[in-house]
C-alpha atoms as a PDB file:
ATOM      1  CA  UNK A   1     -56.897   1.228 -47.699  1.00  0.00           C
ATOM      2  CA  UNK A   2     -58.026   3.191 -44.703  1.00  0.00           C
ATOM      3  CA  UNK A   3     -58.577   1.698 -41.266  1.00  0.00           C
ATOM      4  CA  UNK A   4     -62.142   2.993 -41.196  1.00  0.00           C
ATOM      5  CA  UNK A   5     -63.004   1.169 -44.421  1.00  0.00           C
ATOM      6  CA  UNK A   6     -61.522  -2.090 -43.103  1.00  0.00           C
ATOM      7  CA  UNK A   7     -63.514  -1.717 -39.899  1.00  0.00           C
ATOM      8  CA  UNK A   8     -66.756  -1.219 -41.831  1.00  0.00           C
ATOM      9  CA  UNK A   9     -66.061  -4.289 -43.973  1.00  0.00           C
ATOM     10  CA  UNK A  10     -65.208  -6.409 -40.913  1.00  0.00           C
ATOM     11  CA  UNK A  11     -68.398  -5.278 -39.154  1.00  0.00           C
ATOM     12  CA  UNK A  12     -70.412  -6.069 -42.267  1.00  0.00           C
ATOM     13  CA  UNK A  13     -69.004  -9.598 -42.377  1.00  0.00           C
ATOM     14  CA  UNK A  14     -69.698 -10.172 -38.689  1.00  0.00           C
ATOM     15  CA  UNK A  15     -73.238  -8.843 -38.901  1.00  0.00           C
ATOM     16  CA  UNK A  16     -74.094 -10.814 -42.006  1.00  0.00           C
ATOM     17  CA  UNK A  17     -73.291 -14.069 -40.196  1.00  0.00           C
ATOM     18  CA  UNK A  18     -75.473 -13.171 -37.199  1.00  0.00           C
ATOM     19  CA  UNK A  19     -78.672 -12.593 -39.169  1.00  0.00           C
ATOM     20  CA  UNK A  20     -78.210 -15.512 -41.583  1.00  0.00           C
ATOM     21  CA  UNK A  21     -78.560 -13.287 -44.579  1.00  0.00           C
ATOM     22  CA  UNK A  22     -76.948 -14.274 -47.818  1.00  0.00           C
ATOM     23  CA  UNK A  23     -73.415 -12.962 -47.936  1.00  0.00           C
ATOM     24  CA  UNK A  24     -72.601 -10.308 -50.457  1.00  0.00           C
ATOM     25  CA  UNK A  25     -69.267 -10.091 -52.185  1.00  0.00           C
ATOM     26  CA  UNK A  26     -67.460  -6.882 -51.419  1.00  0.00           C
ATOM     27  CA  UNK A  27     -65.058  -5.635 -54.054  1.00  0.00           C
ATOM     28  CA  UNK A  28     -62.291  -3.499 -52.656  1.00  0.00           C
ATOM     29  CA  UNK A  29     -60.547  -1.424 -55.288  1.00  0.00           C
ATOM     30  CA  UNK A  30     -56.762  -1.600 -55.403  1.00  0.00           C
ATOM     31  CA  UNK A  31     -55.033   1.616 -54.375  1.00  0.00           C
ATOM     32  CA  UNK A  32     -53.773   3.737 -57.244  1.00  0.00           C
ATOM     33  CA  UNK A  33     -50.049   3.519 -57.860  1.00  0.00           C
ATOM     34  CA  UNK A  34     -48.156   6.707 -57.011  1.00  0.00           C
ATOM     35  CA  UNK A  35     -47.740   9.151 -59.866  1.00  0.00           C
ATOM     36  CA  UNK A  36     -44.262   9.249 -61.293  1.00  0.00           C
ATOM     37  CA  UNK A  37     -42.455  12.486 -60.498  1.00  0.00           C
ATOM     38  CA  UNK A  38     -42.573  15.055 -63.233  1.00  0.00           C
ATOM     39  CA  UNK A  39     -39.260  15.781 -64.873  1.00  0.00           C
ATOM     40  CA  UNK A  40     -38.451  19.381 -65.494  1.00  0.00           C
ATOM     41  CA  UNK A  41     -35.514  20.233 -67.722  1.00  0.00           C
ATOM     42  CA  UNK A  42     -33.859  23.524 -66.996  1.00  0.00           C
ATOM     43  CA  UNK A  43     -31.444  25.205 -69.358  1.00  0.00           C
ATOM     44  CA  UNK A  44     -29.064  27.532 -67.639  1.00  0.00           C
ATOM     45  CA  UNK A  45     -27.240  29.977 -69.861  1.00  0.00           C
ATOM     46  CA  UNK A  46     -23.513  30.149 -69.190  1.00  0.00           C
ATOM     47  CA  UNK A  47     -22.136  33.641 -68.907  1.00  0.00           C
ATOM     48  CA  UNK A  48     -18.965  35.263 -67.760  1.00  0.00           C
ATOM     49  CA  UNK A  49     -17.918  34.157 -64.300  1.00  0.00           C
ATOM     50  CA  UNK A  50     -19.543  35.933 -61.439  1.00  0.00           C
ATOM     51  CA  UNK A  51     -17.360  36.643 -58.427  1.00  0.00           C
ATOM     52  CA  UNK A  52     -18.223  34.283 -55.610  1.00  0.00           C
ATOM     53  CA  UNK A  53     -17.517  35.219 -52.016  1.00  0.00           C
ATOM     54  CA  UNK A  54     -14.880  32.745 -50.979  1.00  0.00           C
ATOM     55  CA  UNK A  55     -15.004  33.120 -47.225  1.00  0.00           C
ATOM     56  CA  UNK A  56     -17.727  31.986 -44.903  1.00  0.00           C
ATOM     57  CA  UNK A  57     -19.029  35.030 -43.068  1.00  0.00           C
ATOM     58  CA  UNK A  58     -16.951  35.485 -39.946  1.00  0.00           C
ATOM     59  CA  UNK A  59     -19.713  37.039 -37.903  1.00  0.00           C
ATOM     60  CA  UNK A  60     -23.390  37.797 -37.649  1.00  0.00           C
ATOM     61  CA  UNK A  61     -24.900  41.173 -38.637  1.00  0.00           C
ATOM     62  CA  UNK A  62     -24.550  43.779 -35.907  1.00  0.00           C
ATOM     63  CA  UNK A  63     -27.887  44.153 -34.048  1.00  0.00           C
ATOM     64  CA  UNK A  64     -29.090  47.094 -31.992  1.00  0.00           C
ATOM     65  CA  UNK A  65     -27.273  47.283 -28.639  1.00  0.00           C
ATOM     66  CA  UNK A  66     -24.277  45.592 -30.182  1.00  0.00           C
ATOM     67  CA  UNK A  67     -21.688  47.331 -27.977  1.00  0.00           C
ATOM     68  CA  UNK A  68     -23.341  46.093 -24.786  1.00  0.00           C
ATOM     69  CA  UNK A  69     -23.711  42.596 -26.248  1.00  0.00           C
ATOM     70  CA  UNK A  70     -20.046  42.536 -27.271  1.00  0.00           C
ATOM     71  CA  UNK A  71     -18.976  43.562 -23.758  1.00  0.00           C
ATOM     72  CA  UNK A  72     -21.072  40.718 -22.327  1.00  0.00           C
ATOM     73  CA  UNK A  73     -19.618  38.196 -24.786  1.00  0.00           C
ATOM     74  CA  UNK A  74     -16.056  39.274 -24.088  1.00  0.00           C
ATOM     75  CA  UNK A  75     -16.678  39.177 -20.327  1.00  0.00           C
ATOM     76  CA  UNK A  76     -18.215  35.707 -20.688  1.00  0.00           C
ATOM     77  CA  UNK A  77     -15.230  34.462 -22.643  1.00  0.00           C
ATOM     78  CA  UNK A  78     -12.871  35.816 -19.997  1.00  0.00           C
ATOM     79  CA  UNK A  79     -14.895  34.260 -17.184  1.00  0.00           C
ATOM     80  CA  UNK A  80     -15.115  30.909 -18.941  1.00  0.00           C
ATOM     81  CA  UNK A  81     -11.396  30.920 -19.656  1.00  0.00           C
ATOM     82  CA  UNK A  82     -10.707  31.745 -15.989  1.00  0.00           C
ATOM     83  CA  UNK A  83     -12.929  28.835 -14.929  1.00  0.00           C
ATOM     84  CA  UNK A  84     -11.101  26.437 -17.247  1.00  0.00           C
ATOM     85  CA  UNK A  85      -7.724  27.538 -15.835  1.00  0.00           C
ATOM     86  CA  UNK A  86      -8.874  27.422 -12.215  1.00  0.00           C
ATOM     87  CA  UNK A  87     -10.930  24.216 -12.406  1.00  0.00           C
ATOM     88  CA  UNK A  88      -9.654  22.326 -15.461  1.00  0.00           C
ATOM     89  CA  UNK A  89     -11.490  19.110 -14.526  1.00  0.00           C
ATOM     90  CA  UNK A  90     -14.599  20.576 -12.925  1.00  0.00           C
ATOM     91  CA  UNK A  91     -17.975  18.847 -13.102  1.00  0.00           C
ATOM     92  CA  UNK A  92     -19.204  21.493 -15.566  1.00  0.00           C
ATOM     93  CA  UNK A  93     -16.159  21.662 -17.791  1.00  0.00           C
ATOM     94  CA  UNK A  94     -18.110  20.296 -20.742  1.00  0.00           C
ATOM     95  CA  UNK A  95     -20.700  23.057 -20.367  1.00  0.00           C
ATOM     96  CA  UNK A  96     -18.009  25.716 -20.052  1.00  0.00           C
ATOM     97  CA  UNK A  97     -16.203  24.411 -23.139  1.00  0.00           C
ATOM     98  CA  UNK A  98     -19.446  24.527 -25.115  1.00  0.00           C
ATOM     99  CA  UNK A  99     -20.351  28.024 -23.932  1.00  0.00           C
ATOM    100  CA  UNK A 100     -16.888  29.450 -24.527  1.00  0.00           C
ATOM    101  CA  UNK A 101     -16.895  27.932 -28.012  1.00  0.00           C
ATOM    102  CA  UNK A 102     -20.270  29.522 -28.774  1.00  0.00           C
ATOM    103  CA  UNK A 103     -19.116  32.847 -27.307  1.00  0.00           C
ATOM    104  CA  UNK A 104     -16.149  32.868 -29.699  1.00  0.00           C
ATOM    105  CA  UNK A 105     -18.543  32.268 -32.597  1.00  0.00           C
ATOM    106  CA  UNK A 106     -21.133  34.866 -31.575  1.00  0.00           C
ATOM    107  CA  UNK A 107     -18.848  37.812 -31.092  1.00  0.00           C
ATOM    108  CA  UNK A 108     -18.736  40.360 -33.846  1.00  0.00           C
ATOM    109  CA  UNK A 109     -16.089  42.840 -32.633  1.00  0.00           C
ATOM    110  CA  UNK A 110     -13.518  41.466 -32.889  1.00  0.00           C
ATOM    111  CA  UNK A 111     -14.923  39.029 -35.452  1.00  0.00           C
ATOM    112  CA  UNK A 112     -15.747  35.430 -34.629  1.00  0.00           C
ATOM    113  CA  UNK A 113     -12.742  33.334 -33.795  1.00  0.00           C
ATOM    114  CA  UNK A 114     -13.454  29.946 -35.317  1.00  0.00           C
ATOM    115  CA  UNK A 115      -9.978  28.674 -34.459  1.00  0.00           C
ATOM    116  CA  UNK A 116     -10.571  29.090 -30.735  1.00  0.00           C
ATOM    117  CA  UNK A 117     -14.215  28.004 -30.987  1.00  0.00           C
ATOM    118  CA  UNK A 118     -13.198  24.849 -32.833  1.00  0.00           C
ATOM    119  CA  UNK A 119     -10.464  24.086 -30.289  1.00  0.00           C
ATOM    120  CA  UNK A 120     -12.940  24.429 -27.422  1.00  0.00           C
ATOM    121  CA  UNK A 121     -15.622  22.280 -29.096  1.00  0.00           C
ATOM    122  CA  UNK A 122     -13.057  19.622 -30.088  1.00  0.00           C
ATOM    123  CA  UNK A 123     -11.850  19.489 -26.509  1.00  0.00           C
ATOM    124  CA  UNK A 124     -15.425  18.933 -25.350  1.00  0.00           C
ATOM    125  CA  UNK A 125     -15.932  16.125 -27.889  1.00  0.00           C
ATOM    126  CA  UNK A 126     -12.612  14.430 -27.092  1.00  0.00           C
ATOM    127  CA  UNK A 127     -12.486  14.800 -23.321  1.00  0.00           C
ATOM    128  CA  UNK A 128     -16.176  14.434 -22.467  1.00  0.00           C
ATOM    129  CA  UNK A 129     -17.629  11.566 -24.543  1.00  0.00           C
ATOM    130  CA  UNK A 130     -20.649  11.223 -22.225  1.00  0.00           C
ATOM    131  CA  UNK A 131     -21.591  14.901 -22.232  1.00  0.00           C
ATOM    132  CA  UNK A 132     -25.131  15.713 -23.333  1.00  0.00           C
ATOM    133  CA  UNK A 133     -23.581  18.630 -25.273  1.00  0.00           C
ATOM    134  CA  UNK A 134     -21.341  16.343 -27.339  1.00  0.00           C
ATOM    135  CA  UNK A 135     -23.861  15.824 -30.193  1.00  0.00           C
ATOM    136  CA  UNK A 136     -24.361  19.571 -30.595  1.00  0.00           C
ATOM    137  CA  UNK A 137     -20.616  20.233 -30.509  1.00  0.00           C
ATOM    138  CA  UNK A 138     -20.020  17.449 -33.044  1.00  0.00           C
ATOM    139  CA  UNK A 139     -22.709  18.888 -35.331  1.00  0.00           C
ATOM    140  CA  UNK A 140     -21.244  22.399 -35.144  1.00  0.00           C
ATOM    141  CA  UNK A 141     -17.767  21.080 -35.888  1.00  0.00           C
ATOM    142  CA  UNK A 142     -19.104  19.034 -38.807  1.00  0.00           C
ATOM    143  CA  UNK A 143     -21.012  21.987 -40.269  1.00  0.00           C
ATOM    144  CA  UNK A 144     -17.994  24.269 -39.940  1.00  0.00           C
ATOM    145  CA  UNK A 145     -15.783  21.685 -41.613  1.00  0.00           C
ATOM    146  CA  UNK A 146     -18.309  21.334 -44.444  1.00  0.00           C
ATOM    147  CA  UNK A 147     -18.539  25.129 -44.821  1.00  0.00           C
ATOM    148  CA  UNK A 148     -14.736  25.367 -45.010  1.00  0.00           C
ATOM    149  CA  UNK A 149     -14.674  22.618 -47.650  1.00  0.00           C
ATOM    150  CA  UNK A 150     -17.400  24.316 -49.681  1.00  0.00           C
ATOM    151  CA  UNK A 151     -15.470  27.589 -49.564  1.00  0.00           C
ATOM    152  CA  UNK A 152     -12.345  25.789 -50.844  1.00  0.00           C
ATOM    153  CA  UNK A 153     -14.360  24.058 -53.566  1.00  0.00           C
ATOM    154  CA  UNK A 154     -15.939  27.364 -54.623  1.00  0.00           C
ATOM    155  CA  UNK A 155     -12.521  28.996 -54.834  1.00  0.00           C
ATOM    156  CA  UNK A 156     -11.138  26.116 -56.921  1.00  0.00           C
ATOM    157  CA  UNK A 157     -14.192  26.195 -59.198  1.00  0.00           C
ATOM    158  CA  UNK A 158     -13.887  29.940 -59.633  1.00  0.00           C
ATOM    159  CA  UNK A 159     -10.229  29.582 -60.583  1.00  0.00           C
ATOM    160  CA  UNK A 160     -11.049  26.872 -63.125  1.00  0.00           C
ATOM    161  CA  UNK A 161     -13.827  28.982 -64.659  1.00  0.00           C
ATOM    162  CA  UNK A 162     -11.451  31.940 -64.912  1.00  0.00           C
ATOM    163  CA  UNK A 163      -8.835  29.762 -66.628  1.00  0.00           C
ATOM    164  CA  UNK A 164     -11.422  28.385 -69.045  1.00  0.00           C
ATOM    165  CA  UNK A 165     -12.674  31.857 -69.897  1.00  0.00           C
ATOM    166  CA  UNK A 166      -9.111  33.034 -70.525  1.00  0.00           C
ATOM    167  CA  UNK A 167      -8.546  30.062 -72.820  1.00  0.00           C
ATOM    168  CA  UNK A 168     -11.866  30.676 -74.579  1.00  0.00           C
ATOM    169  CA  UNK A 169     -10.943  34.315 -75.236  1.00  0.00           C
ATOM    170  CA  UNK A 170      -7.549  33.178 -76.601  1.00  0.00           C
ATOM    171  CA  UNK A 171      -9.256  30.705 -78.949  1.00  0.00           C
ATOM    172  CA  UNK A 172     -11.764  33.347 -80.094  1.00  0.00           C
ATOM    173  CA  UNK A 173      -8.881  35.644 -80.960  1.00  0.00           C
ATOM    174  CA  UNK A 174      -7.135  32.881 -82.922  1.00  0.00           C
ATOM    175  CA  UNK A 175     -10.393  32.176 -84.767  1.00  0.00           C
ATOM    176  CA  UNK A 176     -10.950  35.855 -85.534  1.00  0.00           C
ATOM    177  CA  UNK A 177      -7.355  36.158 -86.837  1.00  0.00           C
ATOM    178  CA  UNK A 178      -7.875  33.121 -89.109  1.00  0.00           C
ATOM    179  CA  UNK A 179     -11.077  34.603 -90.555  1.00  0.00           C
ATOM    180  CA  UNK A 180      -9.283  37.833 -91.425  1.00  0.00           C
ATOM    181  CA  UNK A 181      -6.769  35.995 -93.616  1.00  0.00           C
ATOM    182  CA  UNK A 182      -7.611  35.893 -97.314  1.00  0.00           C
END
């Protein structure tokens, strides 16, 4: 029931007592129960296996001005790495670790280096538990881990489907050979 309706009812009750009018009974309808969700059944035909890309894309599409961007990314990586070597425990080490990790992910030539990006982000998470960048680093690491697991699962599923199709073809041949016999 809405707040406005309750306010109107409360005002009506208060006013009816002030003027000594006979009180009227107000019937408030019960709210309607929520509709049950509709169930939709979908039939998906099974066909021959479709090749599934097994690797998570290593890089983003190459935008206009890509060469200049790549130079900037590579320079940033070099500068961040120099900072980490020169000032390993600086007051901005967490920020540098985050930025170097992202720079490794954003580069396209050479392709993204998730191994180095992951190492940098893990270092941030492990060595800087109070960093405001820790939740973002943890999320990126979690998403990458999930993407890697999904890629492995897709590969395993694809292999199983291929094996099942091979077995199905073998059984069809056996069945066809049996039907040919008199």
